[in-house]
Amino acid sequence: MNERIYKYRLDFYYISLVIYLVAFIAYVLLRGSFSNEKFQVVFQDPIIYVITVFIVFFLIVLLSNSIRARYLVFNGRKLTIKNRFGQREIPYNEIVGIKFSREKKFSNKEKSSVRLVKLKLLNRKRLLRIRLSDFHNETKLISEFQTLRRGLQNKI
């Protein structure tokens, strides 16, 4: 079957973790002192504690998201939201409507014009929200949802 798979992005977490680790190492090197041919680190500094909290936080978030391994799968007749622990299949005939929410106007042209996709389902009161920037190939994912929306409008 013709499956299109869109994996969850972890770039932001990797980059943030590396930036905080570099900042931590640079700060330790600046605040440390050499005495008797040994390097001593000052651990009573509150900035070291703050940076350590950020490093631990991003490490936990990165590990939890990489363990979950989320992704979207588009088949011919259904949308599947999968992770390592389970999946949810949404047949196209259960989707009542699709709404796109736009980003605020920015001068940066790399920003997408669509930020969220909100799916209205038959047996669900609340909208199912999918943040498109969280997945790889954001432009292809937008076009997938737009073609799905056109297919829904043709049924009506």
Protein backbone atom coordinates (compact mmCIF):
# COMPACT_ATOMS: atom_id res chain seq x y z
CA MET A 1 0.00 0.00 0.00
CA ASN A 2 1.06 3.61 -0.51
CA GLU A 3 1.96 4.74 3.02
CA ARG A 4 3.38 8.19 3.69
CA ILE A 5 5.18 8.38 7.02
CA TYR A 6 6.05 11.60 8.88
CA LYS A 7 8.34 11.18 11.90
CA TYR A 8 8.45 13.37 14.98
CA ARG A 9 11.28 15.91 15.11
CA LEU A 10 13.81 15.89 17.90
CA ASP A 11 16.11 18.58 16.45
CA PHE A 12 15.08 21.27 18.91
CA TYR A 13 15.85 19.10 21.91
CA TYR A 14 19.25 18.00 20.57
CA ILE A 15 20.26 21.56 19.79
CA SER A 16 19.05 22.91 23.14
CA LEU A 17 20.86 20.18 25.02
CA VAL A 18 24.12 20.85 23.16
CA ILE A 19 23.85 24.61 23.71
CA TYR A 20 23.29 24.19 27.46
CA LEU A 21 26.13 21.67 27.72
CA VAL A 22 28.51 24.06 25.94
CA ALA A 23 27.38 26.92 28.17
CA PHE A 24 27.87 24.74 31.24
CA ILE A 25 31.39 23.71 30.20
CA ALA A 26 32.34 27.28 29.29
CA TYR A 27 31.02 28.63 32.61
CA VAL A 28 32.80 25.92 34.61
CA LEU A 29 36.05 26.69 32.81
CA LEU A 30 35.66 30.42 33.46
CA ARG A 31 34.70 30.07 37.11
CA GLY A 32 37.09 27.24 38.00
CA SER A 33 40.52 27.86 39.38
CA PHE A 34 43.91 26.19 39.17
CA SER A 35 45.64 25.45 42.44
CA ASN A 36 48.52 23.04 43.00
CA GLU A 37 48.34 21.88 39.38
CA LYS A 38 44.71 20.81 39.82
CA PHE A 39 41.55 22.34 38.46
CA GLN A 40 38.88 23.05 41.07
CA VAL A 41 35.25 23.67 40.16
CA VAL A 42 33.09 26.00 42.22
CA PHE A 43 29.88 24.07 42.90
CA GLN A 44 28.29 26.66 45.19
CA ASP A 45 27.49 28.94 42.25
CA PRO A 46 23.72 29.26 41.59
CA ILE A 47 24.27 29.66 37.83
CA ILE A 48 25.77 26.18 37.71
CA TYR A 49 22.63 24.86 39.41
CA VAL A 50 20.33 26.65 36.96
CA ILE A 51 22.22 25.41 33.90
CA THR A 52 22.25 21.89 35.38
CA VAL A 53 18.47 22.02 35.84
CA PHE A 54 18.06 23.01 32.16
CA ILE A 55 20.40 20.22 31.04
CA VAL A 56 18.54 17.62 33.08
CA PHE A 57 15.17 18.90 31.88
CA PHE A 58 16.09 18.78 28.17
CA LEU A 59 17.74 15.40 28.64
CA ILE A 60 14.56 13.96 30.19
CA VAL A 61 12.36 15.48 27.47
CA LEU A 62 14.68 14.23 24.71
CA LEU A 63 14.77 10.72 26.16
CA SER A 64 11.01 10.55 26.68
CA ASN A 65 10.28 11.77 23.15
CA SER A 66 12.83 9.45 21.59
CA ILE A 67 11.38 6.51 23.54
CA ARG A 68 7.85 7.38 22.42
CA ALA A 69 8.96 7.54 18.76
CA ARG A 70 5.83 9.27 17.46
CA TYR A 71 4.88 9.50 13.80
CA LEU A 72 1.93 9.97 11.46
CA VAL A 73 1.04 7.50 8.72
CA PHE A 74 -1.27 8.38 5.82
CA ASN A 75 -2.80 5.38 4.07
CA GLY A 76 -5.32 5.36 1.28
CA ARG A 77 -8.28 5.35 3.66
CA LYS A 78 -7.06 6.29 7.13
CA LEU A 79 -4.74 8.46 9.18
CA THR A 80 -2.76 6.59 11.83
CA ILE A 81 -1.15 8.33 14.78
CA LYS A 82 1.47 5.93 16.11
CA ASN A 83 3.97 5.77 18.89
CA ARG A 84 5.99 2.93 20.33
CA PHE A 85 3.29 2.00 22.82
CA GLY A 86 0.20 2.08 20.63
CA GLN A 87 -1.62 3.62 17.74
CA ARG A 88 -4.85 5.36 16.88
CA GLU A 89 -6.42 4.87 13.49
CA ILE A 90 -8.74 7.52 12.15
CA PRO A 91 -10.62 6.51 9.00
CA TYR A 92 -11.15 9.38 6.60
CA ASN A 93 -14.94 8.92 6.76
CA GLU A 94 -14.86 9.75 10.52
CA ILE A 95 -13.28 13.14 9.87
CA VAL A 96 -16.00 15.78 9.74
CA GLY A 97 -13.83 18.84 9.17
CA ILE A 98 -10.28 20.10 9.02
CA LYS A 99 -9.21 23.57 10.13
CA PHE A 100 -5.81 25.19 9.71
CA SER A 101 -4.63 27.81 12.16
CA ARG A 102 -2.13 30.33 10.89
CA GLU A 103 1.02 31.67 12.45
CA LYS A 104 1.41 35.30 13.27
CA LYS A 105 2.97 37.42 10.56
CA PHE A 106 6.75 37.29 10.66
CA SER A 107 9.27 38.72 8.26
CA ASN A 108 11.10 35.40 8.07
CA LYS A 109 10.00 33.61 4.89
CA GLU A 110 11.06 30.19 6.17
CA LYS A 111 8.19 30.18 8.62
CA SER A 112 5.17 28.17 7.56
CA SER A 113 1.80 29.74 7.00
CA VAL A 114 0.16 26.88 8.91
CA ARG A 115 0.95 25.98 12.49
CA LEU A 116 -1.81 23.64 13.67
CA VAL A 117 -4.26 21.29 12.03
CA LYS A 118 -7.47 20.76 13.94
CA LEU A 119 -9.49 17.67 13.06
CA LYS A 120 -13.17 17.46 13.97
CA LEU A 121 -14.10 13.80 14.39
CA LEU A 122 -17.52 12.14 14.45
CA ASN A 123 -17.45 10.61 17.92
CA ARG A 124 -15.31 13.17 19.68
CA LYS A 125 -16.39 16.50 21.19
CA ARG A 126 -12.98 18.12 21.29
CA LEU A 127 -10.86 18.86 18.27
CA LEU A 128 -7.80 16.69 17.63
CA ARG A 129 -4.84 19.07 17.33
CA ILE A 130 -1.71 18.21 15.37
CA ARG A 131 1.20 20.65 15.42
CA LEU A 132 2.77 20.40 11.98
CA SER A 133 6.13 21.88 12.91
CA ASP A 134 6.74 18.90 15.21
CA PHE A 135 7.12 16.56 12.23
CA HIS A 136 9.66 16.22 9.42
CA ASN A 137 8.65 17.36 5.89
CA GLU A 138 6.26 19.99 7.16
CA THR A 139 5.36 21.26 3.68
CA LYS A 140 4.46 17.77 2.45
CA LEU A 141 2.42 17.20 5.60
CA ILE A 142 0.51 20.43 4.96
CA SER A 143 -0.23 19.30 1.41
CA GLU A 144 -1.42 15.91 2.75
CA PHE A 145 -3.94 17.59 5.02
CA GLN A 146 -5.00 20.01 2.26
CA THR A 147 -5.71 17.15 -0.15
CA LEU A 148 -7.58 15.37 2.62
CA ARG A 149 -9.61 18.53 3.21
CA ARG A 150 -10.40 18.82 -0.51
CA GLY A 151 -11.55 15.20 -0.49
CA LEU A 152 -13.88 15.94 2.42
CA GLN A 153 -15.32 18.99 0.67
CA ASN A 154 -15.97 16.95 -2.48
CA LYS A 155 -18.06 14.46 -0.45
CA ILE A 156 -20.38 17.22 0.76
